[in-house]
Amino acid sequence: MTRSVYRYLRWTMGPENAPEAPEMVHELECMSCDAAADPSEEFETARGWAFSRTGRNPSHRQYRETFTRFWRMTPTDGERL
């Protein structure tokens, strides 16, 4: 017979903040023509692309933002696994 020991912990979830963690990535897509900015860690880069796109195509005024943020699960009460 196999015996098992279970240990129950409470967990919390928050943004990954380790020094080696990737930065959040922003992407904007034009809703008029499906053109998309290159993914960028800087929102201002994606935002600049949208302003440029609308400047060249004044009827293209709606954009969808997709961003990727990295998260980490951590046991509460300072427990280490």
PDB file of N, CA and C in Angstrom:
ATOM      1  N   MET A   1       0.840  -1.181   0.000  1.00  0.00           N
ATOM      2  CA  MET A   1       0.000   0.000   0.000  1.00  0.00           C
ATOM      3  C   MET A   1       0.888   1.248   0.000  1.00  0.00           C
ATOM      4  N   THR A   2       0.561   2.211  -0.873  1.00  0.00           N
ATOM      5  CA  THR A   2       1.311   3.453  -0.971  1.00  0.00           C
ATOM      6  C   THR A   2       0.708   4.483  -0.029  1.00  0.00           C
ATOM      7  N   ARG A   3       1.577   5.159   0.699  1.00  0.00           N
ATOM      8  CA  ARG A   3       1.106   6.203   1.603  1.00  0.00           C
ATOM      9  C   ARG A   3       1.495   7.553   1.024  1.00  0.00           C
ATOM     10  N   SER A   4       0.631   8.514   1.174  1.00  0.00           N
ATOM     11  CA  SER A   4       0.880   9.856   0.674  1.00  0.00           C
ATOM     12  C   SER A   4       0.618  10.869   1.770  1.00  0.00           C
ATOM     13  N   VAL A   5       1.383  11.930   1.730  1.00  0.00           N
ATOM     14  CA  VAL A   5       1.171  13.044   2.642  1.00  0.00           C
ATOM     15  C   VAL A   5       0.831  14.260   1.781  1.00  0.00           C
ATOM     16  N   TYR A   6      -0.275  14.879   2.092  1.00  0.00           N
ATOM     17  CA  TYR A   6      -0.693  16.074   1.365  1.00  0.00           C
ATOM     18  C   TYR A   6      -0.483  17.287   2.247  1.00  0.00           C
ATOM     19  N   ARG A   7      -0.012  18.331   1.647  1.00  0.00           N
ATOM     20  CA  ARG A   7       0.198  19.571   2.359  1.00  0.00           C
ATOM     21  C   ARG A   7      -0.591  20.652   1.638  1.00  0.00           C
ATOM     22  N   TYR A   8      -1.515  21.249   2.332  1.00  0.00           N
ATOM     23  CA  TYR A   8      -2.361  22.270   1.731  1.00  0.00           C
ATOM     24  C   TYR A   8      -1.811  23.649   2.076  1.00  0.00           C
ATOM     25  N   LEU A   9      -1.701  24.472   1.066  1.00  0.00           N
ATOM     26  CA  LEU A   9      -1.195  25.828   1.238  1.00  0.00           C
ATOM     27  C   LEU A   9      -2.176  26.821   0.643  1.00  0.00           C
ATOM     28  N   ARG A  10      -2.131  28.010   1.158  1.00  0.00           N
ATOM     29  CA  ARG A  10      -2.856  29.116   0.527  1.00  0.00           C
ATOM     30  C   ARG A  10      -1.879  29.779  -0.434  1.00  0.00           C
ATOM     31  N   TRP A  11      -2.398  30.216  -1.570  1.00  0.00           N
ATOM     32  CA  TRP A  11      -1.557  30.818  -2.604  1.00  0.00           C
ATOM     33  C   TRP A  11      -2.040  32.216  -2.921  1.00  0.00           C
ATOM     34  N   THR A  12      -1.133  33.017  -3.416  1.00  0.00           N
ATOM     35  CA  THR A  12      -1.468  34.334  -3.936  1.00  0.00           C
ATOM     36  C   THR A  12      -0.833  34.447  -5.326  1.00  0.00           C
ATOM     37  N   MET A  13      -1.416  35.279  -6.152  1.00  0.00           N
ATOM     38  CA  MET A  13      -0.903  35.441  -7.510  1.00  0.00           C
ATOM     39  C   MET A  13      -0.624  36.916  -7.747  1.00  0.00           C
ATOM     40  N   GLY A  14       0.527  37.213  -8.328  1.00  0.00           N
ATOM     41  CA  GLY A  14       0.878  38.597  -8.615  1.00  0.00           C
ATOM     42  C   GLY A  14       1.792  38.673  -9.819  1.00  0.00           C
ATOM     43  N   PRO A  15       2.009  39.873 -10.329  1.00  0.00           N
ATOM     44  CA  PRO A  15       2.901  40.021 -11.474  1.00  0.00           C
ATOM     45  C   PRO A  15       4.294  39.481 -11.164  1.00  0.00           C
ATOM     46  N   GLU A  16       4.895  38.844 -12.141  1.00  0.00           N
ATOM     47  CA  GLU A  16       6.260  38.321 -11.994  1.00  0.00           C
ATOM     48  C   GLU A  16       7.212  39.500 -11.896  1.00  0.00           C
ATOM     49  N   ASN A  17       8.012  39.535 -10.837  1.00  0.00           N
ATOM     50  CA  ASN A  17       8.923  40.666 -10.670  1.00  0.00           C
ATOM     51  C   ASN A  17      10.368  40.229 -10.469  1.00  0.00           C
ATOM     52  N   ALA A  18      10.681  38.993 -10.827  1.00  0.00           N
ATOM     53  CA  ALA A  18      12.072  38.538 -10.753  1.00  0.00           C
ATOM     54  C   ALA A  18      12.902  39.334 -11.761  1.00  0.00           C
ATOM     55  N   PRO A  19      14.176  39.596 -11.446  1.00  0.00           N
ATOM     56  CA  PRO A  19      15.011  40.389 -12.356  1.00  0.00           C
ATOM     57  C   PRO A  19      15.092  39.820 -13.777  1.00  0.00           C
ATOM     58  N   GLU A  20      15.034  38.514 -13.923  1.00  0.00           N
ATOM     59  CA  GLU A  20      15.148  37.904 -15.249  1.00  0.00           C
ATOM     60  C   GLU A  20      13.798  37.742 -15.954  1.00  0.00           C
ATOM     61  N   ALA A  21      12.714  38.164 -15.307  1.00  0.00           N
ATOM     62  CA  ALA A  21      11.375  38.007 -15.890  1.00  0.00           C
ATOM     63  C   ALA A  21      11.210  38.893 -17.116  1.00  0.00           C
ATOM     64  N   PRO A  22      10.502  38.410 -18.130  1.00  0.00           N
ATOM     65  CA  PRO A  22      10.242  39.241 -19.304  1.00  0.00           C
ATOM     66  C   PRO A  22       9.325  40.412 -18.950  1.00  0.00           C
ATOM     67  N   GLU A  23       9.475  41.492 -19.673  1.00  0.00           N
ATOM     68  CA  GLU A  23       8.605  42.654 -19.498  1.00  0.00           C
ATOM     69  C   GLU A  23       7.248  42.370 -20.135  1.00  0.00           C
ATOM     70  N   MET A  24       6.253  43.170 -19.766  1.00  0.00           N
ATOM     71  CA  MET A  24       4.950  43.078 -20.398  1.00  0.00           C
ATOM     72  C   MET A  24       5.113  43.426 -21.881  1.00  0.00           C
ATOM     73  N   VAL A  25       4.367  42.767 -22.747  1.00  0.00           N
ATOM     74  CA  VAL A  25       4.462  42.985 -24.197  1.00  0.00           C
ATOM     75  C   VAL A  25       3.131  43.560 -24.695  1.00  0.00           C
ATOM     76  N   HIS A  26       3.194  44.662 -25.457  1.00  0.00           N
ATOM     77  CA  HIS A  26       2.007  45.335 -26.003  1.00  0.00           C
ATOM     78  C   HIS A  26       1.923  45.094 -27.506  1.00  0.00           C
ATOM     79  N   GLU A  27       0.696  44.885 -27.975  1.00  0.00           N
ATOM     80  CA  GLU A  27       0.451  44.752 -29.417  1.00  0.00           C
ATOM     81  C   GLU A  27      -0.824  45.529 -29.742  1.00  0.00           C
ATOM     82  N   LEU A  28      -0.819  46.276 -30.833  1.00  0.00           N
ATOM     83  CA  LEU A  28      -2.010  46.975 -31.311  1.00  0.00           C
ATOM     84  C   LEU A  28      -2.345  46.476 -32.700  1.00  0.00           C
ATOM     85  N   GLU A  29      -3.649  46.317 -32.939  1.00  0.00           N
ATOM     86  CA  GLU A  29      -4.136  45.849 -34.242  1.00  0.00           C
ATOM     87  C   GLU A  29      -5.188  46.828 -34.744  1.00  0.00           C
ATOM     88  N   CYS A  30      -5.071  47.227 -36.005  1.00  0.00           N
ATOM     89  CA  CYS A  30      -6.041  48.116 -36.637  1.00  0.00           C
ATOM     90  C   CYS A  30      -7.317  47.323 -36.910  1.00  0.00           C
ATOM     91  N   MET A  31      -8.443  47.836 -36.452  1.00  0.00           N
ATOM     92  CA  MET A  31      -9.709  47.125 -36.643  1.00  0.00           C
ATOM     93  C   MET A  31     -10.304  47.370 -38.028  1.00  0.00           C
ATOM     94  N   SER A  32      -9.750  48.309 -38.785  1.00  0.00           N
ATOM     95  CA  SER A  32     -10.256  48.577 -40.132  1.00  0.00           C
ATOM     96  C   SER A  32      -9.649  47.636 -41.167  1.00  0.00           C
ATOM     97  N   CYS A  33      -8.373  47.262 -40.964  1.00  0.00           N
ATOM     98  CA  CYS A  33      -7.704  46.480 -42.002  1.00  0.00           C
ATOM     99  C   CYS A  33      -6.886  45.306 -41.454  1.00  0.00           C
ATOM    100  N   ASP A  34      -6.906  45.080 -40.178  1.00  0.00           N
ATOM    101  CA  ASP A  34      -6.183  43.966 -39.543  1.00  0.00           C
ATOM    102  C   ASP A  34      -4.664  44.112 -39.600  1.00  0.00           C
ATOM    103  N   ALA A  35      -4.152  45.283 -39.964  1.00  0.00           N
ATOM    104  CA  ALA A  35      -2.707  45.504 -39.859  1.00  0.00           C
ATOM    105  C   ALA A  35      -2.362  45.543 -38.374  1.00  0.00           C
ATOM    106  N   ALA A  36      -1.150  45.132 -38.028  1.00  0.00           N
ATOM    107  CA  ALA A  36      -0.773  45.092 -36.616  1.00  0.00           C
ATOM    108  C   ALA A  36       0.640  45.623 -36.413  1.00  0.00           C
ATOM    109  N   ALA A  37       0.828  46.269 -35.289  1.00  0.00           N
ATOM    110  CA  ALA A  37       2.159  46.732 -34.897  1.00  0.00           C
ATOM    111  C   ALA A  37       2.975  45.533 -34.438  1.00  0.00           C
ATOM    112  N   ASP A  38       4.273  45.628 -34.553  1.00  0.00           N
ATOM    113  CA  ASP A  38       5.133  44.587 -33.996  1.00  0.00           C
ATOM    114  C   ASP A  38       5.003  44.604 -32.477  1.00  0.00           C
ATOM    115  N   PRO A  39       5.020  43.437 -31.839  1.00  0.00           N
ATOM    116  CA  PRO A  39       4.976  43.411 -30.375  1.00  0.00           C
ATOM    117  C   PRO A  39       6.133  44.221 -29.794  1.00  0.00           C
ATOM    118  N   SER A  40       5.849  44.947 -28.715  1.00  0.00           N
ATOM    119  CA  SER A  40       6.866  45.803 -28.107  1.00  0.00           C
ATOM    120  C   SER A  40       6.698  45.830 -26.594  1.00  0.00           C
ATOM    121  N   GLU A  41       7.810  45.894 -25.886  1.00  0.00           N
ATOM    122  CA  GLU A  41       7.756  46.047 -24.434  1.00  0.00           C
ATOM    123  C   GLU A  41       7.384  47.472 -24.048  1.00  0.00           C
ATOM    124  N   GLU A  42       7.493  48.401 -24.980  1.00  0.00           N
ATOM    125  CA  GLU A  42       7.158  49.805 -24.732  1.00  0.00           C
ATOM    126  C   GLU A  42       5.809  50.130 -25.362  1.00  0.00           C
ATOM    127  N   PHE A  43       4.833  50.530 -24.540  1.00  0.00           N
ATOM    128  CA  PHE A  43       3.524  50.882 -25.079  1.00  0.00           C
ATOM    129  C   PHE A  43       3.630  52.044 -26.052  1.00  0.00           C
ATOM    130  N   GLU A  44       4.524  52.995 -25.774  1.00  0.00           N
ATOM    131  CA  GLU A  44       4.656  54.172 -26.636  1.00  0.00           C
ATOM    132  C   GLU A  44       5.053  53.789 -28.061  1.00  0.00           C
ATOM    133  N   THR A  45       5.782  52.713 -28.235  1.00  0.00           N
ATOM    134  CA  THR A  45       6.148  52.247 -29.579  1.00  0.00           C
ATOM    135  C   THR A  45       4.898  51.815 -30.337  1.00  0.00           C
ATOM    136  N   ALA A  46       4.051  51.017 -29.681  1.00  0.00           N
ATOM    137  CA  ALA A  46       2.805  50.573 -30.312  1.00  0.00           C
ATOM    138  C   ALA A  46       1.870  51.763 -30.542  1.00  0.00           C
ATOM    139  N   ARG A  47       1.798  52.653 -29.585  1.00  0.00           N
ATOM    140  CA  ARG A  47       0.947  53.841 -29.701  1.00  0.00           C
ATOM    141  C   ARG A  47       1.401  54.715 -30.865  1.00  0.00           C
ATOM    142  N   GLY A  48       2.695  54.888 -31.013  1.00  0.00           N
ATOM    143  CA  GLY A  48       3.222  55.669 -32.126  1.00  0.00           C
ATOM    144  C   GLY A  48       2.847  55.061 -33.470  1.00  0.00           C
ATOM    145  N   TRP A  49       2.859  53.725 -33.534  1.00  0.00           N
ATOM    146  CA  TRP A  49       2.457  53.038 -34.761  1.00  0.00           C
ATOM    147  C   TRP A  49       1.005  53.368 -35.097  1.00  0.00           C
ATOM    148  N   ALA A  50       0.133  53.368 -34.076  1.00  0.00           N
ATOM    149  CA  ALA A  50      -1.292  53.652 -34.309  1.00  0.00           C
ATOM    150  C   ALA A  50      -1.495  55.080 -34.811  1.00  0.00           C
ATOM    151  N   PHE A  51      -0.782  56.044 -34.217  1.00  0.00           N
ATOM    152  CA  PHE A  51      -0.893  57.430 -34.685  1.00  0.00           C
ATOM    153  C   PHE A  51      -0.417  57.551 -36.132  1.00  0.00           C
ATOM    154  N   SER A  52       0.668  56.878 -36.454  1.00  0.00           N
ATOM    155  CA  SER A  52       1.194  56.912 -37.818  1.00  0.00           C
ATOM    156  C   SER A  52       0.199  56.279 -38.796  1.00  0.00           C
ATOM    157  N   ARG A  53      -0.393  55.182 -38.391  1.00  0.00           N
ATOM    158  CA  ARG A  53      -1.348  54.468 -39.249  1.00  0.00           C
ATOM    159  C   ARG A  53      -2.563  55.356 -39.531  1.00  0.00           C
ATOM    160  N   THR A  54      -3.101  55.986 -38.494  1.00  0.00           N
ATOM    161  CA  THR A  54      -4.259  56.866 -38.682  1.00  0.00           C
ATOM    162  C   THR A  54      -3.874  58.087 -39.501  1.00  0.00           C
ATOM    163  N   GLY A  55      -2.646  58.577 -39.337  1.00  0.00           N
ATOM    164  CA  GLY A  55      -2.186  59.716 -40.144  1.00  0.00           C
ATOM    165  C   GLY A  55      -2.179  59.396 -41.623  1.00  0.00           C
ATOM    166  N   ARG A  56      -1.795  58.161 -41.971  1.00  0.00           N
ATOM    167  CA  ARG A  56      -1.762  57.759 -43.384  1.00  0.00           C
ATOM    168  C   ARG A  56      -3.130  57.295 -43.879  1.00  0.00           C
ATOM    169  N   ASN A  57      -3.992  56.859 -42.959  1.00  0.00           N
ATOM    170  CA  ASN A  57      -5.318  56.325 -43.306  1.00  0.00           C
ATOM    171  C   ASN A  57      -6.338  56.917 -42.330  1.00  0.00           C
ATOM    172  N   PRO A  58      -6.817  58.146 -42.559  1.00  0.00           N
ATOM    173  CA  PRO A  58      -7.673  58.830 -41.582  1.00  0.00           C
ATOM    174  C   PRO A  58      -8.945  58.076 -41.190  1.00  0.00           C
ATOM    175  N   SER A  59      -9.398  57.166 -42.020  1.00  0.00           N
ATOM    176  CA  SER A  59     -10.610  56.417 -41.649  1.00  0.00           C
ATOM    177  C   SER A  59     -10.303  55.253 -40.702  1.00  0.00           C
ATOM    178  N   HIS A  60      -9.035  54.958 -40.470  1.00  0.00           N
ATOM    179  CA  HIS A  60      -8.639  53.865 -39.575  1.00  0.00           C
ATOM    180  C   HIS A  60      -8.468  54.441 -38.173  1.00  0.00           C
ATOM    181  N   ARG A  61      -9.521  54.334 -37.366  1.00  0.00           N
ATOM    182  CA  ARG A  61      -9.527  55.003 -36.064  1.00  0.00           C
ATOM    183  C   ARG A  61      -9.704  54.070 -34.874  1.00  0.00           C
ATOM    184  N   GLN A  62      -9.951  52.817 -35.126  1.00  0.00           N
ATOM    185  CA  GLN A  62     -10.185  51.887 -34.014  1.00  0.00           C
ATOM    186  C   GLN A  62      -9.073  50.847 -33.958  1.00  0.00           C
ATOM    187  N   TYR A  63      -8.594  50.615 -32.741  1.00  0.00           N
ATOM    188  CA  TYR A  63      -7.494  49.670 -32.535  1.00  0.00           C
ATOM    189  C   TYR A  63      -7.816  48.766 -31.357  1.00  0.00           C
ATOM    190  N   ARG A  64      -7.297  47.573 -31.438  1.00  0.00           N
ATOM    191  CA  ARG A  64      -7.438  46.615 -30.329  1.00  0.00           C
ATOM    192  C   ARG A  64      -6.057  46.385 -29.732  1.00  0.00           C
ATOM    193  N   GLU A  65      -5.975  46.502 -28.418  1.00  0.00           N
ATOM    194  CA  GLU A  65      -4.708  46.223 -27.739  1.00  0.00           C
ATOM    195  C   GLU A  65      -4.754  44.814 -27.156  1.00  0.00           C
ATOM    196  N   THR A  66      -3.675  44.111 -27.358  1.00  0.00           N
ATOM    197  CA  THR A  66      -3.463  42.826 -26.703  1.00  0.00           C
ATOM    198  C   THR A  66      -2.148  42.955 -25.959  1.00  0.00           C
ATOM    199  N   PHE A  67      -2.149  42.570 -24.694  1.00  0.00           N
ATOM    200  CA  PHE A  67      -0.872  42.620 -23.985  1.00  0.00           C
ATOM    201  C   PHE A  67      -0.668  41.322 -23.230  1.00  0.00           C
ATOM    202  N   THR A  68       0.577  40.988 -23.064  1.00  0.00           N
ATOM    203  CA  THR A  68       0.968  39.782 -22.353  1.00  0.00           C
ATOM    204  C   THR A  68       1.703  40.210 -21.102  1.00  0.00           C
ATOM    205  N   ARG A  69       1.200  39.758 -19.971  1.00  0.00           N
ATOM    206  CA  ARG A  69       1.828  40.043 -18.682  1.00  0.00           C
ATOM    207  C   ARG A  69       2.147  38.700 -18.034  1.00  0.00           C
ATOM    208  N   PHE A  70       3.284  38.606 -17.413  1.00  0.00           N
ATOM    209  CA  PHE A  70       3.723  37.359 -16.804  1.00  0.00           C
ATOM    210  C   PHE A  70       3.418  37.387 -15.308  1.00  0.00           C
ATOM    211  N   TRP A  71       2.914  36.263 -14.779  1.00  0.00           N
ATOM    212  CA  TRP A  71       2.454  36.171 -13.402  1.00  0.00           C
ATOM    213  C   TRP A  71       3.185  35.051 -12.668  1.00  0.00           C
ATOM    214  N   ARG A  72       3.172  35.141 -11.345  1.00  0.00           N
ATOM    215  CA  ARG A  72       3.790  34.108 -10.505  1.00  0.00           C
ATOM    216  C   ARG A  72       2.846  33.764  -9.351  1.00  0.00           C
ATOM    217  N   MET A  73       2.739  32.466  -9.064  1.00  0.00           N
ATOM    218  CA  MET A  73       2.001  31.976  -7.901  1.00  0.00           C
ATOM    219  C   MET A  73       2.989  31.834  -6.750  1.00  0.00           C
ATOM    220  N   THR A  74       2.614  32.341  -5.579  1.00  0.00           N
ATOM    221  CA  THR A  74       3.474  32.303  -4.405  1.00  0.00           C
ATOM    222  C   THR A  74       2.672  31.833  -3.204  1.00  0.00           C
ATOM    223  N   PRO A  75       3.213  30.907  -2.416  1.00  0.00           N
ATOM    224  CA  PRO A  75       2.497  30.517  -1.197  1.00  0.00           C
ATOM    225  C   PRO A  75       2.442  31.701  -0.230  1.00  0.00           C
ATOM    226  N   THR A  76       1.318  31.866   0.445  1.00  0.00           N
ATOM    227  CA  THR A  76       1.222  32.926   1.441  1.00  0.00           C
ATOM    228  C   THR A  76       1.934  32.496   2.709  1.00  0.00           C
ATOM    229  N   ASP A  77       2.022  33.353   3.659  1.00  0.00           N
ATOM    230  CA  ASP A  77       2.676  33.082   4.952  1.00  0.00           C
ATOM    231  C   ASP A  77       4.156  32.779   4.801  1.00  0.00           C
ATOM    232  N   GLY A  78       4.771  33.184   3.677  1.00  0.00           N
ATOM    233  CA  GLY A  78       6.201  33.008   3.502  1.00  0.00           C
ATOM    234  C   GLY A  78       6.668  31.558   3.380  1.00  0.00           C
ATOM    235  N   GLU A  79       5.766  30.649   3.139  1.00  0.00           N
ATOM    236  CA  GLU A  79       6.136  29.225   3.014  1.00  0.00           C
ATOM    237  C   GLU A  79       6.999  29.022   1.778  1.00  0.00           C
ATOM    238  N   ARG A  80       8.003  28.186   1.890  1.00  0.00           N
ATOM    239  CA  ARG A  80       8.866  27.861   0.753  1.00  0.00           C
ATOM    240  C   ARG A  80       8.627  26.405   0.389  1.00  0.00           C
ATOM    241  N   LEU A  81       8.659  26.148  -0.882  1.00  0.00           N
ATOM    242  CA  LEU A  81       8.488  24.765  -1.356  1.00  0.00           C
ATOM    243  C   LEU A  81       9.811  24.159  -1.735  1.00  0.00           C
TER     244      LEU A  81
END
